[in-house]
């Protein structure tokens, strides 16, 4: 997979980041989202260094990711139960047709 170096700005500092080809726009959106979260964090009145802000926001994002993973696992488990129930119903219907 090819990568391209793109420029983004986080916490007012420019960074050159390697990005898979075709994902440049998604990376720019992610940088915009991060900058917006930083702005909101600063507006909340919490005085913190850039490092503290970055750590708190990273922790928040990781927590959100874990919550989404849990939701996905719950959804997959529910779908697995439904599929098994449907298979059982189909098997019962086929068995009653044979008899």
Protein backbone atom coordinates (compact mmCIF):
# COMPACT_ATOMS: atom_id res chain seq x y z
CA UNK A 1 0.00 0.00 0.00
CA UNK A 2 1.36 3.40 -0.92
CA UNK A 3 1.51 6.27 1.51
CA UNK A 4 1.63 10.00 1.11
CA UNK A 5 3.05 12.61 3.48
CA UNK A 6 0.39 15.16 4.33
CA UNK A 7 0.48 18.25 6.52
CA UNK A 8 -1.91 18.64 9.45
CA UNK A 9 -2.00 21.08 12.37
CA UNK A 10 -2.67 19.88 15.94
CA UNK A 11 -2.51 22.19 18.96
CA UNK A 12 -1.36 24.92 16.63
CA UNK A 13 1.71 22.95 15.55
CA UNK A 14 2.23 21.63 12.03
CA UNK A 15 2.96 17.92 11.56
CA UNK A 16 3.88 15.94 8.47
CA UNK A 17 2.13 12.58 8.72
CA UNK A 18 2.39 9.47 6.57
CA UNK A 19 -1.05 8.51 5.37
CA UNK A 20 -2.27 5.59 3.23
CA UNK A 21 -3.21 6.68 -0.27
CA UNK A 22 -6.88 7.56 -0.46
CA UNK A 23 -7.19 8.24 3.28
CA UNK A 24 -5.97 11.83 3.25
CA UNK A 25 -9.43 13.35 3.63
CA UNK A 26 -10.27 11.05 6.56
CA UNK A 27 -7.04 12.04 8.31
CA UNK A 28 -7.82 15.72 7.80
CA UNK A 29 -11.30 15.16 9.30
CA UNK A 30 -9.72 13.36 12.27
CA UNK A 31 -7.32 16.28 12.79
CA UNK A 32 -10.24 18.72 12.62
CA UNK A 33 -12.17 16.63 15.16
CA UNK A 34 -9.18 16.58 17.50
CA UNK A 35 -8.68 20.33 17.19
CA UNK A 36 -12.38 20.85 17.97
CA UNK A 37 -12.12 18.64 21.07
CA UNK A 38 -9.05 20.61 22.17
CA UNK A 39 -10.96 23.88 21.68
CA UNK A 40 -13.91 22.61 23.75
CA UNK A 41 -11.57 21.31 26.47
CA UNK A 42 -9.88 24.69 26.71
CA UNK A 43 -13.23 26.53 26.72
CA UNK A 44 -14.38 24.40 29.65
CA UNK A 45 -12.02 26.47 31.78
CA UNK A 46 -9.65 23.66 32.60
CA UNK A 47 -6.16 25.04 32.60
CA UNK A 48 -3.73 22.45 31.34
CA UNK A 49 -0.56 22.11 29.32
CA UNK A 50 -0.71 20.82 25.76
CA UNK A 51 0.65 17.49 27.00
CA UNK A 52 -2.09 17.16 29.62
CA UNK A 53 -4.74 18.08 27.07
CA UNK A 54 -3.39 15.51 24.62
CA UNK A 55 -3.35 12.79 27.28
CA UNK A 56 -6.88 13.56 28.50
CA UNK A 57 -8.27 13.63 24.97
CA UNK A 58 -6.45 10.41 24.07
CA UNK A 59 -7.89 8.77 27.18
CA UNK A 60 -11.38 9.98 26.24
CA UNK A 61 -11.04 8.63 22.70
CA UNK A 62 -9.79 5.26 23.97
CA UNK A 63 -12.72 5.07 26.38
CA UNK A 64 -15.18 5.86 23.58
CA UNK A 65 -13.53 3.18 21.43
CA UNK A 66 -13.92 0.60 24.19
CA UNK A 67 -17.60 1.51 24.59
CA UNK A 68 -18.12 1.09 20.84
CA UNK A 69 -16.33 -2.28 20.90
CA UNK A 70 -18.62 -3.42 23.71
CA UNK A 71 -21.69 -2.32 21.74
CA UNK A 72 -20.42 -4.17 18.66
CA UNK A 73 -19.86 -7.35 20.68
CA UNK A 74 -23.35 -7.09 22.16
CA UNK A 75 -24.83 -6.57 18.71
CA UNK A 76 -22.88 -9.51 17.27
CA UNK A 77 -24.02 -11.74 20.16
CA UNK A 78 -27.65 -10.69 19.64
CA UNK A 79 -27.41 -11.39 15.91
CA UNK A 80 -25.82 -14.78 16.61
CA UNK A 81 -28.72 -15.68 18.92
CA UNK A 82 -31.26 -14.58 16.29
CA UNK A 83 -29.55 -16.59 13.57
CA UNK A 84 -29.51 -19.69 15.78
CA UNK A 85 -33.19 -19.17 16.58
CA UNK A 86 -34.00 -18.83 12.87
CA UNK A 87 -31.97 -21.95 12.04
CA UNK A 88 -33.83 -23.86 14.72
CA UNK A 89 -37.20 -22.61 13.41
CA UNK A 90 -36.28 -23.59 9.84
CA UNK A 91 -35.07 -27.01 10.95
CA UNK A 92 -38.33 -27.58 12.86
CA UNK A 93 -40.39 -26.48 9.85
CA UNK A 94 -38.45 -28.80 7.53
CA UNK A 95 -38.75 -31.68 9.98
CA UNK A 96 -42.52 -31.23 10.25
CA UNK A 97 -42.82 -31.20 6.40
CA UNK A 98 -40.94 -34.50 6.19
CA UNK A 99 -43.22 -36.19 8.75
